[in-house]
C-alpha atoms as a PDB file:
ATOM      1  CA  UNK A   1       0.000   0.000   0.000  1.00  0.00           C
ATOM      2  CA  UNK A   2       1.405   3.354  -1.036  1.00  0.00           C
ATOM      3  CA  UNK A   3       1.646   6.139   1.470  1.00  0.00           C
ATOM      4  CA  UNK A   4       1.580   9.835   0.753  1.00  0.00           C
ATOM      5  CA  UNK A   5       4.182  12.295   1.893  1.00  0.00           C
ATOM      6  CA  UNK A   6       3.491  15.380   3.969  1.00  0.00           C
ATOM      7  CA  UNK A   7       4.228  17.447   0.867  1.00  0.00           C
ATOM      8  CA  UNK A   8       1.554  15.497  -1.046  1.00  0.00           C
ATOM      9  CA  UNK A   9      -0.982  15.830   1.775  1.00  0.00           C
ATOM     10  CA  UNK A  10      -0.307  19.571   2.080  1.00  0.00           C
ATOM     11  CA  UNK A  11      -0.756  20.114  -1.649  1.00  0.00           C
ATOM     12  CA  UNK A  12      -4.000  18.220  -2.108  1.00  0.00           C
ATOM     13  CA  UNK A  13      -5.649  19.469   1.084  1.00  0.00           C
ATOM     14  CA  UNK A  14      -6.078  23.093   0.006  1.00  0.00           C
ATOM     15  CA  UNK A  15      -6.189  25.451  -2.976  1.00  0.00           C
ATOM     16  CA  UNK A  16      -2.853  26.165  -4.636  1.00  0.00           C
ATOM     17  CA  UNK A  17      -2.824  29.873  -3.857  1.00  0.00           C
ATOM     18  CA  UNK A  18       0.673  31.236  -4.314  1.00  0.00           C
ATOM     19  CA  UNK A  19       2.529  27.967  -3.783  1.00  0.00           C
ATOM     20  CA  UNK A  20       5.803  27.742  -5.640  1.00  0.00           C
ATOM     21  CA  UNK A  21       6.465  24.925  -8.079  1.00  0.00           C
ATOM     22  CA  UNK A  22       8.859  23.296  -5.605  1.00  0.00           C
ATOM     23  CA  UNK A  23       5.852  22.768  -3.298  1.00  0.00           C
ATOM     24  CA  UNK A  24       4.813  19.968  -5.662  1.00  0.00           C
ATOM     25  CA  UNK A  25       5.698  16.435  -4.552  1.00  0.00           C
ATOM     26  CA  UNK A  26       8.698  15.130  -6.453  1.00  0.00           C
ATOM     27  CA  UNK A  27       9.942  18.656  -7.115  1.00  0.00           C
ATOM     28  CA  UNK A  28      12.781  19.837  -4.909  1.00  0.00           C
ATOM     29  CA  UNK A  29      14.961  22.922  -5.085  1.00  0.00           C
ATOM     30  CA  UNK A  30      16.923  21.892  -8.188  1.00  0.00           C
ATOM     31  CA  UNK A  31      13.924  20.835 -10.269  1.00  0.00           C
ATOM     32  CA  UNK A  32      11.973  23.810  -8.951  1.00  0.00           C
ATOM     33  CA  UNK A  33      14.685  26.170 -10.203  1.00  0.00           C
ATOM     34  CA  UNK A  34      14.647  24.458 -13.599  1.00  0.00           C
ATOM     35  CA  UNK A  35      10.881  24.937 -13.779  1.00  0.00           C
ATOM     36  CA  UNK A  36      11.284  28.621 -12.835  1.00  0.00           C
ATOM     37  CA  UNK A  37      13.929  29.025 -15.548  1.00  0.00           C
ATOM     38  CA  UNK A  38      11.412  27.623 -18.031  1.00  0.00           C
ATOM     39  CA  UNK A  39       8.626  29.965 -16.891  1.00  0.00           C
ATOM     40  CA  UNK A  40       6.806  27.763 -14.367  1.00  0.00           C
ATOM     41  CA  UNK A  41       7.464  29.431 -11.016  1.00  0.00           C
ATOM     42  CA  UNK A  42       4.084  28.629  -9.442  1.00  0.00           C
ATOM     43  CA  UNK A  43       2.500  25.243  -8.775  1.00  0.00           C
ATOM     44  CA  UNK A  44      -0.650  26.543 -10.456  1.00  0.00           C
ATOM     45  CA  UNK A  45       1.320  27.026 -13.676  1.00  0.00           C
ATOM     46  CA  UNK A  46       2.452  23.389 -13.611  1.00  0.00           C
ATOM     47  CA  UNK A  47      -1.151  22.314 -12.971  1.00  0.00           C
ATOM     48  CA  UNK A  48      -2.174  24.509 -15.901  1.00  0.00           C
ATOM     49  CA  UNK A  49       0.313  22.705 -18.123  1.00  0.00           C
ATOM     50  CA  UNK A  50      -1.154  19.392 -16.959  1.00  0.00           C
ATOM     51  CA  UNK A  51      -4.565  20.664 -18.063  1.00  0.00           C
ATOM     52  CA  UNK A  52      -3.205  21.907 -21.420  1.00  0.00           C
ATOM     53  CA  UNK A  53      -1.805  18.415 -21.996  1.00  0.00           C
ATOM     54  CA  UNK A  54      -5.295  16.991 -21.534  1.00  0.00           C
ATOM     55  CA  UNK A  55      -4.570  15.477 -18.111  1.00  0.00           C
ATOM     56  CA  UNK A  56      -2.580  12.818 -19.960  1.00  0.00           C
ATOM     57  CA  UNK A  57      -0.087  11.155 -17.619  1.00  0.00           C
ATOM     58  CA  UNK A  58       2.371  10.103 -20.332  1.00  0.00           C
ATOM     59  CA  UNK A  59       2.432  13.525 -21.993  1.00  0.00           C
ATOM     60  CA  UNK A  60       2.704  15.319 -18.646  1.00  0.00           C
ATOM     61  CA  UNK A  61       5.545  13.090 -17.461  1.00  0.00           C
ATOM     62  CA  UNK A  62       7.417  13.603 -20.741  1.00  0.00           C
ATOM     63  CA  UNK A  63       6.926  17.376 -20.447  1.00  0.00           C
ATOM     64  CA  UNK A  64       8.093  17.364 -16.810  1.00  0.00           C
ATOM     65  CA  UNK A  65      11.194  15.361 -17.741  1.00  0.00           C
ATOM     66  CA  UNK A  66      11.993  17.593 -20.726  1.00  0.00           C
ATOM     67  CA  UNK A  67      11.391  20.799 -18.751  1.00  0.00           C
ATOM     68  CA  UNK A  68      13.050  19.955 -15.441  1.00  0.00           C
ATOM     69  CA  UNK A  69      14.927  16.669 -15.818  1.00  0.00           C
ATOM     70  CA  UNK A  70      12.600  14.883 -13.386  1.00  0.00           C
ATOM     71  CA  UNK A  71      13.224  11.141 -13.111  1.00  0.00           C
ATOM     72  CA  UNK A  72      10.473   8.491 -13.177  1.00  0.00           C
ATOM     73  CA  UNK A  73       9.856   8.584  -9.397  1.00  0.00           C
ATOM     74  CA  UNK A  74       9.703  12.387  -9.356  1.00  0.00           C
ATOM     75  CA  UNK A  75       7.335  12.363 -12.344  1.00  0.00           C
ATOM     76  CA  UNK A  76       5.116   9.783 -10.636  1.00  0.00           C
ATOM     77  CA  UNK A  77       4.959  11.708  -7.346  1.00  0.00           C
ATOM     78  CA  UNK A  78       4.203  15.005  -9.058  1.00  0.00           C
ATOM     79  CA  UNK A  79       1.572  13.552 -11.391  1.00  0.00           C
ATOM     80  CA  UNK A  80      -0.152  11.641  -8.601  1.00  0.00           C
ATOM     81  CA  UNK A  81      -0.542  14.794  -6.497  1.00  0.00           C
ATOM     82  CA  UNK A  82      -1.646  16.987  -9.402  1.00  0.00           C
ATOM     83  CA  UNK A  83      -4.189  14.396 -10.525  1.00  0.00           C
ATOM     84  CA  UNK A  84      -5.591  14.137  -7.004  1.00  0.00           C
ATOM     85  CA  UNK A  85      -5.689  17.938  -6.686  1.00  0.00           C
ATOM     86  CA  UNK A  86      -7.484  18.428 -10.022  1.00  0.00           C
ATOM     87  CA  UNK A  87      -9.935  15.625  -9.215  1.00  0.00           C
ATOM     88  CA  UNK A  88     -10.783  17.425  -5.958  1.00  0.00           C
ATOM     89  CA  UNK A  89     -10.843  21.057  -7.074  1.00  0.00           C
ATOM     90  CA  UNK A  90     -11.721  21.124 -10.777  1.00  0.00           C
END
């Protein structure tokens, strides 16, 4: 049985507000800076990209890897949280 991290629980329990992209599970300081460099400084912007990609896990994971260098585990953690957040709030 998979468990969620505190970062995951914090993200999905409330609106995104002004949360930075490194508030997303799987995204630490290094990947967060890469996202900022590519124009995605806020978590809401990453969620927006997920929506633009049609909520498609494969396309989102490829985009996240290409944009930030996220590995498979980081992609999985980020996608899982964003999917749960969008299922709850959109």
